[in-house]
Amino acid sequence: EAVDEPEVAAVKGRAQMAGVIANAVLDRQRMPRVPVPVPSAQGR
């Protein structure tokens, strides 16, 4: 129910925000460039 300030609402309403959300998802899929250690009961 809350309403953003006009400047903020204008930015959030732009069509380019679809790409921003897609990039935000991609950001959570970025892989490390160094080996990732995985400790486990089977050994390191």
ModelCIF file with pLDDT and N, C-alpha, C, O atoms, coordinates in Angstrom:
data_MODEL
#
_entry.id   MODEL 
#
_entity.id                         1 
_entity.type                       polymer 
_entity.pdbx_number_of_molecules   1 
#
_entity_poly.entity_id                      1 
_entity_poly.type                           'polypeptide(L)' 
_entity_poly.nstd_linkage                   no 
_entity_poly.nstd_monomer                   no 
_entity_poly.pdbx_seq_one_letter_code       EAVDEPEVAAVKGRAQMAGVIANAVLDRQRMPRVPVPVPSAQGR 
_entity_poly.pdbx_seq_one_letter_code_can   EAVDEPEVAAVKGRAQMAGVIANAVLDRQRMPRVPVPVPSAQGR 
_entity_poly.pdbx_strand_id                 A 
#
loop_
_entity_poly_seq.entity_id 
_entity_poly_seq.num 
_entity_poly_seq.mon_id 
_entity_poly_seq.hetero 
1 1  GLU n 
1 2  ALA n 
1 3  VAL n 
1 4  ASP n 
1 5  GLU n 
1 6  PRO n 
1 7  GLU n 
1 8  VAL n 
1 9  ALA n 
1 10 ALA n 
1 11 VAL n 
1 12 LYS n 
1 13 GLY n 
1 14 ARG n 
1 15 ALA n 
1 16 GLN n 
1 17 MET n 
1 18 ALA n 
1 19 GLY n 
1 20 VAL n 
1 21 ILE n 
1 22 ALA n 
1 23 ASN n 
1 24 ALA n 
1 25 VAL n 
1 26 LEU n 
1 27 ASP n 
1 28 ARG n 
1 29 GLN n 
1 30 ARG n 
1 31 MET n 
1 32 PRO n 
1 33 ARG n 
1 34 VAL n 
1 35 PRO n 
1 36 VAL n 
1 37 PRO n 
1 38 VAL n 
1 39 PRO n 
1 40 SER n 
1 41 ALA n 
1 42 GLN n 
1 43 GLY n 
1 44 ARG n 
#
_struct_asym.id          A 
_struct_asym.entity_id   1 
#
loop_
_ma_qa_metric.id 
_ma_qa_metric.mode 
_ma_qa_metric.name 
_ma_qa_metric.software_group_id 
_ma_qa_metric.type 
1 global pLDDT . pLDDT 
2 local  pLDDT . pLDDT 
#
_ma_qa_metric_global.metric_id      1 
_ma_qa_metric_global.metric_value   93.98 
_ma_qa_metric_global.model_id       1 
_ma_qa_metric_global.ordinal_id     1 
#
loop_
_ma_qa_metric_local.label_asym_id 
_ma_qa_metric_local.label_comp_id 
_ma_qa_metric_local.label_seq_id 
_ma_qa_metric_local.metric_id 
_ma_qa_metric_local.metric_value 
_ma_qa_metric_local.model_id 
_ma_qa_metric_local.ordinal_id 
A GLU 1  2 92.00 1 1  
A ALA 2  2 93.00 1 2  
A VAL 3  2 92.00 1 3  
A ASP 4  2 95.00 1 4  
A GLU 5  2 92.00 1 5  
A PRO 6  2 90.00 1 6  
A GLU 7  2 92.00 1 7  
A VAL 8  2 96.00 1 8  
A ALA 9  2 95.00 1 9  
A ALA 10 2 95.00 1 10 
A VAL 11 2 97.00 1 11 
A LYS 12 2 97.00 1 12 
A GLY 13 2 97.00 1 13 
A ARG 14 2 96.00 1 14 
A ALA 15 2 96.00 1 15 
A GLN 16 2 96.00 1 16 
A MET 17 2 98.00 1 17 
A ALA 18 2 97.00 1 18 
A GLY 19 2 97.00 1 19 
A VAL 20 2 98.00 1 20 
A ILE 21 2 98.00 1 21 
A ALA 22 2 97.00 1 22 
A ASN 23 2 97.00 1 23 
A ALA 24 2 97.00 1 24 
A VAL 25 2 97.00 1 25 
A LEU 26 2 97.00 1 26 
A ASP 27 2 96.00 1 27 
A ARG 28 2 96.00 1 28 
A GLN 29 2 95.00 1 29 
A ARG 30 2 92.00 1 30 
A MET 31 2 95.00 1 31 
A PRO 32 2 94.00 1 32 
A ARG 33 2 93.00 1 33 
A VAL 34 2 95.00 1 34 
A PRO 35 2 94.00 1 35 
A VAL 36 2 94.00 1 36 
A PRO 37 2 93.00 1 37 
A VAL 38 2 92.00 1 38 
A PRO 39 2 91.00 1 39 
A SER 40 2 88.00 1 40 
A ALA 41 2 86.00 1 41 
A GLN 42 2 82.00 1 42 
A GLY 43 2 86.00 1 43 
A ARG 44 2 89.00 1 44 
#
loop_
_atom_site.group_PDB 
_atom_site.id 
_atom_site.type_symbol 
_atom_site.label_atom_id 
_atom_site.label_alt_id 
_atom_site.label_comp_id 
_atom_site.label_asym_id 
_atom_site.label_entity_id 
_atom_site.label_seq_id 
_atom_site.pdbx_PDB_ins_code 
_atom_site.Cartn_x 
_atom_site.Cartn_y 
_atom_site.Cartn_z 
_atom_site.occupancy 
_atom_site.B_iso_or_equiv 
_atom_site.pdbx_formal_charge 
_atom_site.auth_seq_id 
_atom_site.auth_comp_id 
_atom_site.auth_asym_id 
_atom_site.auth_atom_id 
_atom_site.pdbx_PDB_model_num 
ATOM 1   N N  . GLU A 1 1  ? 0.818  -1.207  0.000   1.00 92.00 ? 1  GLU A N  1 
ATOM 2   C CA . GLU A 1 1  ? 0.000  0.000   0.000   1.00 92.00 ? 1  GLU A CA 1 
ATOM 3   C C  . GLU A 1 1  ? 0.857  1.264   0.000   1.00 92.00 ? 1  GLU A C  1 
ATOM 4   O O  . GLU A 1 1  ? 0.395  2.328   -0.414  1.00 92.00 ? 1  GLU A O  1 
ATOM 5   N N  . ALA A 1 2  ? 2.107  1.150   0.465   1.00 93.00 ? 2  ALA A N  1 
ATOM 6   C CA . ALA A 1 2  ? 2.991  2.309   0.496   1.00 93.00 ? 2  ALA A CA 1 
ATOM 7   C C  . ALA A 1 2  ? 3.283  2.772   -0.931  1.00 93.00 ? 2  ALA A C  1 
ATOM 8   O O  . ALA A 1 2  ? 3.287  1.975   -1.869  1.00 93.00 ? 2  ALA A O  1 
ATOM 9   N N  . VAL A 1 3  ? 3.525  4.061   -1.075  1.00 92.00 ? 3  VAL A N  1 
ATOM 10  C CA . VAL A 1 3  ? 3.775  4.656   -2.389  1.00 92.00 ? 3  VAL A CA 1 
ATOM 11  C C  . VAL A 1 3  ? 5.151  5.292   -2.383  1.00 92.00 ? 3  VAL A C  1 
ATOM 12  O O  . VAL A 1 3  ? 5.509  5.996   -1.439  1.00 92.00 ? 3  VAL A O  1 
ATOM 13  N N  . ASP A 1 4  ? 5.924  5.047   -3.429  1.00 95.00 ? 4  ASP A N  1 
ATOM 14  C CA . ASP A 1 4  ? 7.249  5.635   -3.547  1.00 95.00 ? 4  ASP A CA 1 
ATOM 15  C C  . ASP A 1 4  ? 7.161  7.114   -3.890  1.00 95.00 ? 4  ASP A C  1 
ATOM 16  O O  . ASP A 1 4  ? 6.137  7.603   -4.369  1.00 95.00 ? 4  ASP A O  1 
ATOM 17  N N  . GLU A 1 5  ? 8.261  7.813   -3.632  1.00 92.00 ? 5  GLU A N  1 
ATOM 18  C CA . GLU A 1 5  ? 8.390  9.170   -4.131  1.00 92.00 ? 5  GLU A CA 1 
ATOM 19  C C  . GLU A 1 5  ? 8.326  9.133   -5.663  1.00 92.00 ? 5  GLU A C  1 
ATOM 20  O O  . GLU A 1 5  ? 8.745  8.151   -6.276  1.00 92.00 ? 5  GLU A O  1 
ATOM 21  N N  . PRO A 1 6  ? 7.803  10.202  -6.282  1.00 90.00 ? 6  PRO A N  1 
ATOM 22  C CA . PRO A 1 6  ? 7.616  10.178  -7.742  1.00 90.00 ? 6  PRO A CA 1 
ATOM 23  C C  . PRO A 1 6  ? 8.859  9.785   -8.532  1.00 90.00 ? 6  PRO A C  1 
ATOM 24  O O  . PRO A 1 6  ? 8.761  9.026   -9.496  1.00 90.00 ? 6  PRO A O  1 
ATOM 25  N N  . GLU A 1 7  ? 10.029 10.293  -8.137  1.00 92.00 ? 7  GLU A N  1 
ATOM 26  C CA . GLU A 1 7  ? 11.245 9.967   -8.885  1.00 92.00 ? 7  GLU A CA 1 
ATOM 27  C C  . GLU A 1 7  ? 11.551 8.476   -8.816  1.00 92.00 ? 7  GLU A C  1 
ATOM 28  O O  . GLU A 1 7  ? 11.949 7.867   -9.809  1.00 92.00 ? 7  GLU A O  1 
ATOM 29  N N  . VAL A 1 8  ? 11.361 7.895   -7.634  1.00 96.00 ? 8  VAL A N  1 
ATOM 30  C CA . VAL A 1 8  ? 11.636 6.469   -7.457  1.00 96.00 ? 8  VAL A CA 1 
ATOM 31  C C  . VAL A 1 8  ? 10.619 5.635   -8.233  1.00 96.00 ? 8  VAL A C  1 
ATOM 32  O O  . VAL A 1 8  ? 10.982 4.669   -8.905  1.00 96.00 ? 8  VAL A O  1 
ATOM 33  N N  . ALA A 1 9  ? 9.331  6.017   -8.135  1.00 95.00 ? 9  ALA A N  1 
ATOM 34  C CA . ALA A 1 9  ? 8.290  5.283   -8.858  1.00 95.00 ? 9  ALA A CA 1 
ATOM 35  C C  . ALA A 1 9  ? 8.524  5.331   -10.359 1.00 95.00 ? 9  ALA A C  1 
ATOM 36  O O  . ALA A 1 9  ? 8.279  4.351   -11.062 1.00 95.00 ? 9  ALA A O  1 
ATOM 37  N N  . ALA A 1 10 ? 9.000  6.479   -10.851 1.00 95.00 ? 10 ALA A N  1 
ATOM 38  C CA . ALA A 1 10 ? 9.253  6.610   -12.285 1.00 95.00 ? 10 ALA A CA 1 
ATOM 39  C C  . ALA A 1 10 ? 10.354 5.655   -12.733 1.00 95.00 ? 10 ALA A C  1 
ATOM 40  O O  . ALA A 1 10 ? 10.248 5.043   -13.796 1.00 95.00 ? 10 ALA A O  1 
ATOM 41  N N  . VAL A 1 11 ? 11.401 5.523   -11.940 1.00 97.00 ? 11 VAL A N  1 
ATOM 42  C CA . VAL A 1 11 ? 12.498 4.618   -12.302 1.00 97.00 ? 11 VAL A CA 1 
ATOM 43  C C  . VAL A 1 11 ? 12.020 3.169   -12.248 1.00 97.00 ? 11 VAL A C  1 
ATOM 44  O O  . VAL A 1 11 ? 12.275 2.397   -13.173 1.00 97.00 ? 11 VAL A O  1 
ATOM 45  N N  . LYS A 1 12 ? 11.334 2.801   -11.180 1.00 97.00 ? 12 LYS A N  1 
ATOM 46  C CA . LYS A 1 12 ? 10.871 1.416   -11.036 1.00 97.00 ? 12 LYS A CA 1 
ATOM 47  C C  . LYS A 1 12 ? 9.881  1.023   -12.123 1.00 97.00 ? 12 LYS A C  1 
ATOM 48  O O  . LYS A 1 12 ? 9.768  -0.153  -12.467 1.00 97.00 ? 12 LYS A O  1 
ATOM 49  N N  . GLY A 1 13 ? 9.168  1.997   -12.660 1.00 97.00 ? 13 GLY A N  1 
ATOM 50  C CA . GLY A 1 13 ? 8.177  1.676   -13.684 1.00 97.00 ? 13 GLY A CA 1 
ATOM 51  C C  . GLY A 1 13 ? 8.729  1.514   -15.076 1.00 97.00 ? 13 GLY A C  1 
ATOM 52  O O  . GLY A 1 13 ? 8.010  1.065   -15.969 1.00 97.00 ? 13 GLY A O  1 
ATOM 53  N N  . ARG A 1 14 ? 9.994  1.868   -15.295 1.00 96.00 ? 14 ARG A N  1 
ATOM 54  C CA . ARG A 1 14 ? 10.567 1.783   -16.636 1.00 96.00 ? 14 ARG A CA 1 
ATOM 55  C C  . ARG A 1 14 ? 10.672 0.341   -17.127 1.00 96.00 ? 14 ARG A C  1 
ATOM 56  O O  . ARG A 1 14 ? 10.865 -0.587  -16.342 1.00 96.00 ? 14 ARG A O  1 
ATOM 57  N N  . ALA A 1 15 ? 10.541 0.177   -18.428 1.00 96.00 ? 15 ALA A N  1 
ATOM 58  C CA . ALA A 1 15 ? 10.655 -1.159  -19.011 1.00 96.00 ? 15 ALA A CA 1 
ATOM 59  C C  . ALA A 1 15 ? 12.043 -1.747  -18.794 1.00 96.00 ? 15 ALA A C  1 
ATOM 60  O O  . ALA A 1 15 ? 12.180 -2.966  -18.699 1.00 96.00 ? 15 ALA A O  1 
ATOM 61  N N  . GLN A 1 16 ? 13.083 -0.906  -18.713 1.00 96.00 ? 16 GLN A N  1 
ATOM 62  C CA . GLN A 1 16 ? 14.431 -1.420  -18.547 1.00 96.00 ? 16 GLN A CA 1 
ATOM 63  C C  . GLN A 1 16 ? 14.631 -2.119  -17.204 1.00 96.00 ? 16 GLN A C  1 
ATOM 64  O O  . GLN A 1 16 ? 15.626 -2.818  -17.015 1.00 96.00 ? 16 GLN A O  1 
ATOM 65  N N  . MET A 1 17 ? 13.690 -1.938  -16.264 1.00 98.00 ? 17 MET A N  1 
ATOM 66  C CA . MET A 1 17 ? 13.813 -2.627  -14.985 1.00 98.00 ? 17 MET A CA 1 
ATOM 67  C C  . MET A 1 17 ? 13.671 -4.142  -15.148 1.00 98.00 ? 17 MET A C  1 
ATOM 68  O O  . MET A 1 17 ? 14.115 -4.895  -14.282 1.00 98.00 ? 17 MET A O  1 
ATOM 69  N N  . ALA A 1 18 ? 13.061 -4.597  -16.242 1.00 97.00 ? 18 ALA A N  1 
ATOM 70  C CA . ALA A 1 18 ? 13.019 -6.043  -16.503 1.00 97.00 ? 18 ALA A CA 1 
ATOM 71  C C  . ALA A 1 18 ? 14.434 -6.579  -16.655 1.00 97.00 ? 18 ALA A C  1 
ATOM 72  O O  . ALA A 1 18 ? 14.746 -7.659  -16.155 1.00 97.00 ? 18 ALA A O  1 
ATOM 73  N N  . GLY A 1 19 ? 15.293 -5.832  -17.342 1.00 97.00 ? 19 GLY A N  1 
ATOM 74  C CA . GLY A 1 19 ? 16.691 -6.238  -17.469 1.00 97.00 ? 19 GLY A CA 1 
ATOM 75  C C  . GLY A 1 19 ? 17.434 -6.154  -16.158 1.00 97.00 ? 19 GLY A C  1 
ATOM 76  O O  . GLY A 1 19 ? 18.320 -6.966  -15.889 1.00 97.00 ? 19 GLY A O  1 
ATOM 77  N N  . VAL A 1 20 ? 17.081 -5.177  -15.335 1.00 98.00 ? 20 VAL A N  1 
ATOM 78  C CA . VAL A 1 20 ? 17.718 -5.058  -14.017 1.00 98.00 ? 20 VAL A CA 1 
ATOM 79  C C  . VAL A 1 20 ? 17.412 -6.283  -13.170 1.00 98.00 ? 20 VAL A C  1 
ATOM 80  O O  . VAL A 1 20 ? 18.305 -6.827  -12.521 1.00 98.00 ? 20 VAL A O  1 
ATOM 81  N N  . ILE A 1 21 ? 16.156 -6.722  -13.171 1.00 98.00 ? 21 ILE A N  1 
ATOM 82  C CA . ILE A 1 21 ? 15.790 -7.911  -12.389 1.00 98.00 ? 21 ILE A CA 1 
ATOM 83  C C  . ILE A 1 21 ? 16.488 -9.147  -12.951 1.00 98.00 ? 21 ILE A C  1 
ATOM 84  O O  . ILE A 1 21 ? 16.949 -9.994  -12.185 1.00 98.00 ? 21 ILE A O  1 
ATOM 85  N N  . ALA A 1 22 ? 16.573 -9.262  -14.275 1.00 97.00 ? 22 ALA A N  1 
ATOM 86  C CA . ALA A 1 22 ? 17.280 -10.398 -14.877 1.00 97.00 ? 22 ALA A CA 1 
ATOM 87  C C  . ALA A 1 22 ? 18.748 -10.396 -14.463 1.00 97.00 ? 22 ALA A C  1 
ATOM 88  O O  . ALA A 1 22 ? 19.312 -11.452 -14.174 1.00 97.00 ? 22 ALA A O  1 
ATOM 89  N N  . ASN A 1 23 ? 19.368 -9.222  -14.432 1.00 97.00 ? 23 ASN A N  1 
ATOM 90  C CA . ASN A 1 23 ? 20.760 -9.134  -13.985 1.00 97.00 ? 23 ASN A CA 1 
ATOM 91  C C  . ASN A 1 23 ? 20.903 -9.494  -12.511 1.00 97.00 ? 23 ASN A C  1 
ATOM 92  O O  . ASN A 1 23 ? 21.899 -10.094 -12.107 1.00 97.00 ? 23 ASN A O  1 
ATOM 93  N N  . ALA A 1 24 ? 19.913 -9.129  -11.715 1.00 97.00 ? 24 ALA A N  1 
ATOM 94  C CA . ALA A 1 24 ? 19.963 -9.460  -10.288 1.00 97.00 ? 24 ALA A CA 1 
ATOM 95  C C  . ALA A 1 24 ? 19.937 -10.967 -10.081 1.00 97.00 ? 24 ALA A C  1 
ATOM 96  O O  . ALA A 1 24 ? 20.602 -11.485 -9.184  1.00 97.00 ? 24 ALA A O  1 
ATOM 97  N N  . VAL A 1 25 ? 19.168 -11.676 -10.912 1.00 97.00 ? 25 VAL A N  1 
ATOM 98  C CA . VAL A 1 25 ? 19.160 -13.142 -10.837 1.00 97.00 ? 25 VAL A CA 1 
ATOM 99  C C  . VAL A 1 25 ? 20.506 -13.689 -11.297 1.00 97.00 ? 25 VAL A C  1 
ATOM 100 O O  . VAL A 1 25 ? 21.061 -14.587 -10.663 1.00 97.00 ? 25 VAL A O  1 
ATOM 101 N N  . LEU A 1 26 ? 21.028 -13.158 -12.384 1.00 97.00 ? 26 LEU A N  1 
ATOM 102 C CA . LEU A 1 26 ? 22.324 -13.603 -12.895 1.00 97.00 ? 26 LEU A CA 1 
ATOM 103 C C  . LEU A 1 26 ? 23.424 -13.400 -11.856 1.00 97.00 ? 26 LEU A C  1 
ATOM 104 O O  . LEU A 1 26 ? 24.344 -14.209 -11.741 1.00 97.00 ? 26 LEU A O  1 
ATOM 105 N N  . ASP A 1 27 ? 23.312 -12.313 -11.108 1.00 96.00 ? 27 ASP A N  1 
ATOM 106 C CA . ASP A 1 27 ? 24.308 -12.029 -10.069 1.00 96.00 ? 27 ASP A CA 1 
ATOM 107 C C  . ASP A 1 27 ? 24.379 -13.150 -9.045  1.00 96.00 ? 27 ASP A C  1 
ATOM 108 O O  . ASP A 1 27 ? 25.439 -13.409 -8.474  1.00 96.00 ? 27 ASP A O  1 
ATOM 109 N N  . ARG A 1 28 ? 23.247 -13.819 -8.809  1.00 96.00 ? 28 ARG A N  1 
ATOM 110 C CA . ARG A 1 28 ? 23.217 -14.900 -7.818  1.00 96.00 ? 28 ARG A CA 1 
ATOM 111 C C  . ARG A 1 28 ? 23.673 -16.225 -8.403  1.00 96.00 ? 28 ARG A C  1 
ATOM 112 O O  . ARG A 1 28 ? 23.706 -17.235 -7.699  1.00 96.00 ? 28 ARG A O  1 
ATOM 113 N N  . GLN A 1 29 ? 24.029 -16.233 -9.696  1.00 95.00 ? 29 GLN A N  1 
ATOM 114 C CA . GLN A 1 29 ? 24.519 -17.447 -10.356 1.00 95.00 ? 29 GLN A CA 1 
ATOM 115 C C  . GLN A 1 29 ? 25.980 -17.320 -10.781 1.00 95.00 ? 29 GLN A C  1 
ATOM 116 O O  . GLN A 1 29 ? 26.496 -18.179 -11.495 1.00 95.00 ? 29 GLN A O  1 
ATOM 117 N N  . ARG A 1 30 ? 26.640 -16.260 -10.348 1.00 92.00 ? 30 ARG A N  1 
ATOM 118 C CA . ARG A 1 30 ? 28.044 -16.066 -10.733 1.00 92.00 ? 30 ARG A CA 1 
ATOM 119 C C  . ARG A 1 30 ? 28.928 -17.059 -9.993  1.00 92.00 ? 30 ARG A C  1 
ATOM 120 O O  . ARG A 1 30 ? 28.833 -17.215 -8.776  1.00 92.00 ? 30 ARG A O  1 
ATOM 121 N N  . MET A 1 31 ? 29.786 -17.723 -10.751 1.00 95.00 ? 31 MET A N  1 
ATOM 122 C CA . MET A 1 31 ? 30.630 -18.769 -10.199 1.00 95.00 ? 31 MET A CA 1 
ATOM 123 C C  . MET A 1 31 ? 32.003 -18.212 -9.780  1.00 95.00 ? 31 MET A C  1 
ATOM 124 O O  . MET A 1 31 ? 32.549 -17.338 -10.454 1.00 95.00 ? 31 MET A O  1 
ATOM 125 N N  . PRO A 1 32 ? 32.559 -18.722 -8.665  1.00 94.00 ? 32 PRO A N  1 
ATOM 126 C CA . PRO A 1 32 ? 33.897 -18.277 -8.238  1.00 94.00 ? 32 PRO A CA 1 
ATOM 127 C C  . PRO A 1 32 ? 34.966 -18.640 -9.277  1.00 94.00 ? 32 PRO A C  1 
ATOM 128 O O  . PRO A 1 32 ? 34.841 -19.628 -10.000 1.00 94.00 ? 32 PRO A O  1 
ATOM 129 N N  . ARG A 1 33 ? 36.001 -17.827 -9.331  1.00 93.00 ? 33 ARG A N  1 
ATOM 130 C CA . ARG A 1 33 ? 37.101 -18.079 -10.261 1.00 93.00 ? 33 ARG A CA 1 
ATOM 131 C C  . ARG A 1 33 ? 38.255 -18.835 -9.595  1.00 93.00 ? 33 ARG A C  1 
ATOM 132 O O  . ARG A 1 33 ? 39.311 -19.032 -10.196 1.00 93.00 ? 33 ARG A O  1 
ATOM 133 N N  . VAL A 1 34 ? 38.040 -19.245 -8.375  1.00 95.00 ? 34 VAL A N  1 
ATOM 134 C CA . VAL A 1 34 ? 39.045 -20.036 -7.644  1.00 95.00 ? 34 VAL A CA 1 
ATOM 135 C C  . VAL A 1 34 ? 38.360 -21.305 -7.157  1.00 95.00 ? 34 VAL A C  1 
ATOM 136 O O  . VAL A 1 34 ? 37.136 -21.325 -7.027  1.00 95.00 ? 34 VAL A O  1 
ATOM 137 N N  . PRO A 1 35 ? 39.114 -22.362 -6.886  1.00 94.00 ? 35 PRO A N  1 
ATOM 138 C CA . PRO A 1 35 ? 38.494 -23.599 -6.388  1.00 94.00 ? 35 PRO A CA 1 
ATOM 139 C C  . PRO A 1 35 ? 37.712 -23.358 -5.105  1.00 94.00 ? 35 PRO A C  1 
ATOM 140 O O  . PRO A 1 35 ? 38.096 -22.540 -4.269  1.00 94.00 ? 35 PRO A O  1 
ATOM 141 N N  . VAL A 1 36 ? 36.607 -24.086 -4.964  1.00 94.00 ? 36 VAL A N  1 
ATOM 142 C CA . VAL A 1 36 ? 35.751 -23.970 -3.785  1.00 94.00 ? 36 VAL A CA 1 
ATOM 143 C C  . VAL A 1 36 ? 35.945 -25.214 -2.922  1.00 94.00 ? 36 VAL A C  1 
ATOM 144 O O  . VAL A 1 36 ? 35.596 -26.312 -3.354  1.00 94.00 ? 36 VAL A O  1 
ATOM 145 N N  . PRO A 1 37 ? 36.493 -25.072 -1.716  1.00 93.00 ? 37 PRO A N  1 
ATOM 146 C CA . PRO A 1 37 ? 36.642 -26.235 -0.834  1.00 93.00 ? 37 PRO A CA 1 
ATOM 147 C C  . PRO A 1 37 ? 35.288 -26.676 -0.301  1.00 93.00 ? 37 PRO A C  1 
ATOM 148 O O  . PRO A 1 37 ? 34.435 -25.849 0.022   1.00 93.00 ? 37 PRO A O  1 
ATOM 149 N N  . VAL A 1 38 ? 35.098 -27.996 -0.211  1.00 92.00 ? 38 VAL A N  1 
ATOM 150 C CA . VAL A 1 38 ? 33.848 -28.556 0.300   1.00 92.00 ? 38 VAL A CA 1 
ATOM 151 C C  . VAL A 1 38 ? 34.194 -29.545 1.408   1.00 92.00 ? 38 VAL A C  1 
ATOM 152 O O  . VAL A 1 38 ? 34.513 -30.701 1.129   1.00 92.00 ? 38 VAL A O  1 
ATOM 153 N N  . PRO A 1 39 ? 34.134 -29.101 2.656   1.00 91.00 ? 39 PRO A N  1 
ATOM 154 C CA . PRO A 1 39 ? 34.369 -30.050 3.750   1.00 91.00 ? 39 PRO A CA 1 
ATOM 155 C C  . PRO A 1 39 ? 33.186 -30.995 3.877   1.00 91.00 ? 39 PRO A C  1 
ATOM 156 O O  . PRO A 1 39 ? 32.034 -30.587 3.733   1.00 91.00 ? 39 PRO A O  1 
ATOM 157 N N  . SER A 1 40 ? 33.481 -32.268 4.150   1.00 88.00 ? 40 SER A N  1 
ATOM 158 C CA . SER A 1 40 ? 32.400 -33.235 4.284   1.00 88.00 ? 40 SER A CA 1 
ATOM 159 C C  . SER A 1 40 ? 32.855 -34.385 5.166   1.00 88.00 ? 40 SER A C  1 
ATOM 160 O O  . SER A 1 40 ? 34.036 -34.499 5.496   1.00 88.00 ? 40 SER A O  1 
ATOM 161 N N  . ALA A 1 41 ? 31.928 -35.219 5.537   1.00 86.00 ? 41 ALA A N  1 
ATOM 162 C CA . ALA A 1 41 ? 32.253 -36.405 6.325   1.00 86.00 ? 41 ALA A CA 1 
ATOM 163 C C  . ALA A 1 41 ? 33.088 -37.386 5.519   1.00 86.00 ? 41 ALA A C  1 
ATOM 164 O O  . ALA A 1 41 ? 33.736 -38.267 6.083   1.00 86.00 ? 41 ALA A O  1 
ATOM 165 N N  . GLN A 1 42 ? 33.072 -37.232 4.186   1.00 82.00 ? 42 GLN A N  1 
ATOM 166 C CA . GLN A 1 42 ? 33.860 -38.093 3.315   1.00 82.00 ? 42 GLN A CA 1 
ATOM 167 C C  . GLN A 1 42 ? 35.302 -37.589 3.165   1.00 82.00 ? 42 GLN A C  1 
ATOM 168 O O  . GLN A 1 42 ? 36.118 -38.193 2.469   1.00 82.00 ? 42 GLN A O  1 
ATOM 169 N N  . GLY A 1 43 ? 35.586 -36.482 3.827   1.00 86.00 ? 43 GLY A N  1 
ATOM 170 C CA . GLY A 1 43 ? 36.889 -35.863 3.689   1.00 86.00 ? 43 GLY A CA 1 
ATOM 171 C C  . GLY A 1 43 ? 36.776 -34.552 2.934   1.00 86.00 ? 43 GLY A C  1 
ATOM 172 O O  . GLY A 1 43 ? 35.696 -34.189 2.469   1.00 86.00 ? 43 GLY A O  1 
ATOM 173 N N  . ARG A 1 44 ? 37.863 -33.858 2.812   1.00 89.00 ? 44 ARG A N  1 
ATOM 174 C CA . ARG A 1 44 ? 37.851 -32.562 2.140   1.00 89.00 ? 44 ARG A CA 1 
ATOM 175 C C  . ARG A 1 44 ? 37.785 -32.771 0.622   1.00 89.00 ? 44 ARG A C  1 
ATOM 176 O O  . ARG A 1 44 ? 37.765 -31.801 -0.135  1.00 89.00 ? 44 ARG A O  1 
#
